[in-house]
Amino acid sequence: MSVAETGEQTITLKQKDENIETYSACRLLVARVLSGGSLEYIKHAAAIWKKETCAELGVLEKGRYLIYVSMDWDEETASEDRFYDI
């Protein structure tokens, strides 16, 4: 993700909500990409059985950031329903 201007940032991951009774566990991790390619940890968030996972990142400086998403899909979630939006 690119941040064009320094300012408050929030990331929300939303799971598909049509005909889903149980949401899957989810984790988000955000890191800043530093010169030379190294990473600086910013924040993480996790949620279990919730439609949305939200990470309030505070003030981020202009630059590039990496967002890592890990999903533990509920075994009852059909393969065609296994997607999310950020």
Protein backbone atom coordinates (compact mmCIF):
# COMPACT_ATOMS: atom_id res chain seq x y z
CA MET A 1 0.00 0.00 0.00
CA SER A 2 1.23 3.52 -0.70
CA VAL A 3 0.54 6.43 1.62
CA ALA A 4 0.62 9.65 -0.41
CA GLU A 5 0.45 12.08 2.51
CA THR A 6 1.28 11.77 6.21
CA GLY A 7 -1.93 11.31 8.21
CA GLU A 8 -4.26 9.04 10.20
CA GLN A 9 -4.82 5.65 8.58
CA THR A 10 -7.18 2.75 9.29
CA ILE A 11 -7.40 -0.58 7.48
CA THR A 12 -10.53 -2.72 7.59
CA LEU A 13 -10.84 -6.23 6.21
CA LYS A 14 -14.41 -7.30 5.43
CA GLN A 15 -15.45 -10.87 4.75
CA LYS A 16 -18.23 -11.67 2.32
CA ASP A 17 -21.54 -11.57 4.17
CA GLU A 18 -24.01 -13.25 1.83
CA ASN A 19 -25.39 -16.47 3.35
CA ILE A 20 -22.53 -16.84 5.83
CA GLU A 21 -23.39 -17.81 9.39
CA THR A 22 -19.84 -18.15 10.75
CA TYR A 23 -16.96 -15.85 9.86
CA SER A 24 -13.40 -17.10 9.74
CA ALA A 25 -10.52 -16.08 12.00
CA CYS A 26 -8.36 -13.38 10.47
CA ARG A 27 -5.07 -11.60 11.19
CA LEU A 28 -3.66 -8.39 9.68
CA LEU A 29 -0.11 -7.19 10.07
CA VAL A 30 1.18 -3.85 8.76
CA ALA A 31 4.84 -2.91 8.31
CA ARG A 32 6.58 0.08 6.73
CA VAL A 33 8.98 -0.68 3.86
CA LEU A 34 12.26 1.11 4.64
CA SER A 35 15.03 2.01 2.23
CA GLY A 36 17.03 -1.09 1.41
CA GLY A 37 13.88 -3.23 1.66
CA SER A 38 13.88 -3.87 5.41
CA LEU A 39 10.58 -3.69 7.30
CA GLU A 40 9.47 -1.75 10.39
CA TYR A 41 6.56 -3.25 12.34
CA ILE A 42 3.61 -0.84 12.66
CA LYS A 43 0.62 -2.75 14.06
CA HIS A 44 -1.39 -5.95 13.93
CA ALA A 45 -5.04 -6.83 14.50
CA ALA A 46 -6.97 -10.08 14.78
CA ALA A 47 -10.59 -11.15 14.96
CA ILE A 48 -12.39 -14.44 15.38
CA TRP A 49 -15.89 -15.02 14.02
CA LYS A 50 -16.40 -11.37 13.07
CA LYS A 51 -17.28 -9.96 9.67
CA GLU A 52 -14.73 -7.13 9.97
CA THR A 53 -11.18 -6.89 11.29
CA CYS A 54 -10.00 -3.32 11.84
CA ALA A 55 -6.50 -1.94 12.49
CA GLU A 56 -6.33 1.72 13.53
CA LEU A 57 -2.78 2.56 12.47
CA GLY A 58 -2.50 6.09 13.83
CA VAL A 59 -0.44 8.64 11.90
CA LEU A 60 1.55 7.03 9.09
CA GLU A 61 4.27 8.90 7.26
CA LYS A 62 4.27 9.15 3.48
CA GLY A 63 5.75 5.97 2.02
CA ARG A 64 5.23 2.31 1.18
CA TYR A 65 3.68 -0.22 3.56
CA LEU A 66 3.21 -3.96 3.47
CA ILE A 67 -0.09 -5.53 4.53
CA TYR A 68 0.03 -9.23 5.43
CA VAL A 69 -3.31 -11.06 5.77
CA SER A 70 -3.74 -14.54 7.20
CA MET A 71 -7.11 -16.30 7.14
CA ASP A 72 -8.08 -19.48 8.99
CA TRP A 73 -11.08 -20.32 6.86
CA ASP A 74 -13.96 -21.99 8.68
CA GLU A 75 -14.30 -25.50 7.23
CA GLU A 76 -17.99 -24.84 6.51
CA THR A 77 -17.13 -21.85 4.28
CA ALA A 78 -17.52 -22.88 0.64
CA SER A 79 -14.47 -22.32 -1.56
CA GLU A 80 -16.35 -19.78 -3.71
CA ASP A 81 -17.02 -17.71 -0.55
CA ARG A 82 -13.40 -17.59 0.57
CA PHE A 83 -12.51 -14.01 -0.29
CA TYR A 84 -12.33 -10.64 1.41
CA ASP A 85 -11.90 -6.94 0.63
CA ILE A 86 -9.46 -4.46 2.15
